[in-house]
Protein backbone atom coordinates (compact mmCIF):
# COMPACT_ATOMS: atom_id res chain seq x y z
CA MET A 1 -6.32 53.40 2.10
CA LYS A 2 -4.20 53.25 5.44
CA ARG A 3 -6.11 53.67 8.66
CA LYS A 4 -4.13 55.15 11.50
CA ILE A 5 -4.47 52.90 14.94
CA ASN A 6 -5.98 54.48 17.86
CA LYS A 7 -3.80 53.83 20.60
CA LYS A 8 -6.37 55.33 22.88
CA GLY A 9 -9.27 52.69 22.26
CA ILE A 10 -6.76 49.75 22.02
CA SER A 11 -5.99 50.87 26.38
CA TYR A 12 -9.65 50.59 26.16
CA LEU A 13 -9.63 47.54 25.17
CA LEU A 14 -7.04 46.15 27.20
CA MET A 15 -8.45 47.44 30.31
CA PHE A 16 -11.86 46.22 29.50
CA ILE A 17 -10.28 42.49 28.44
CA ALA A 18 -8.34 42.57 31.79
CA SER A 19 -11.52 43.54 33.90
CA PHE A 20 -13.71 41.50 32.67
CA MET A 21 -11.22 38.44 33.45
CA LEU A 22 -10.98 39.42 36.91
CA ILE A 23 -14.50 39.01 37.25
CA VAL A 24 -14.48 36.10 35.83
CA HIS A 25 -11.97 34.62 37.79
CA ASP A 26 -13.48 35.93 41.26
CA PHE A 27 -16.87 34.30 40.30
CA TYR A 28 -14.84 31.23 39.07
CA ARG A 29 -13.06 30.80 42.82
CA LEU A 30 -16.69 31.74 44.34
CA THR A 31 -18.36 29.52 42.49
CA LEU A 32 -17.12 26.28 40.81
CA GLU A 33 -14.03 25.67 42.39
CA SER A 34 -16.18 24.81 45.46
CA VAL A 35 -17.37 22.31 43.18
CA PHE A 36 -13.87 20.70 42.35
CA THR A 37 -11.97 21.00 45.28
CA GLY A 38 -14.70 20.54 48.14
CA ARG A 39 -13.35 23.45 50.03
CA LEU A 40 -15.80 26.61 50.08
CA THR A 41 -14.19 29.58 48.83
CA THR A 42 -14.93 33.12 50.06
CA LEU A 43 -14.42 37.21 49.60
CA THR A 44 -12.33 39.01 51.78
CA TRP A 45 -12.91 42.86 52.05
CA PHE A 46 -9.80 43.45 49.46
CA GLY A 47 -11.35 40.68 47.24
CA LEU A 48 -14.63 42.73 47.56
CA VAL A 49 -13.01 46.26 46.79
CA THR A 50 -11.13 45.01 43.92
CA LEU A 51 -14.43 43.48 41.93
CA LEU A 52 -15.68 46.30 42.41
CA ILE A 53 -13.15 48.29 40.72
CA ALA A 54 -13.35 45.77 38.35
CA PHE A 55 -16.79 46.68 37.30
CA LEU A 56 -16.49 50.02 37.63
CA THR A 57 -13.54 49.57 34.88
CA LEU A 58 -15.16 47.37 33.17
CA ASN A 59 -18.21 50.14 32.42
CA LEU A 60 -15.90 52.83 32.23
CA SER A 61 -13.70 50.76 29.08
CA TYR A 62 -17.55 49.95 27.91
CA GLU A 63 -18.84 53.43 27.94
CA GLU A 64 -15.22 54.55 26.27
CA LEU A 65 -14.89 51.82 23.54
CA LYS A 66 -18.48 52.56 22.49
CA LYS A 67 -18.00 56.24 22.13
CA CYS A 68 -14.82 55.65 19.90
CA THR A 69 -16.49 53.20 17.72
CA ARG A 70 -18.91 55.59 17.27
CA GLU A 71 -16.31 58.02 16.32
CA CYS A 72 -14.50 55.64 14.03
CA THR A 73 -16.97 54.49 11.67
């Protein structure tokens, strides 16, 4: 039995992965990089806005993936 690949679901999965990786990168820069390099790092206003957008995108893509998996199964 063939299953059709849901392109919308794949795009939401890619958005989820990209926003999650951006959040992990930002928190790495804020917490661990200063331990390794000895320099203190901070967020700029642009970094704060992109982190907020990443959280919103992560939430949106997670809700859509949850809805998609409920409909597909």
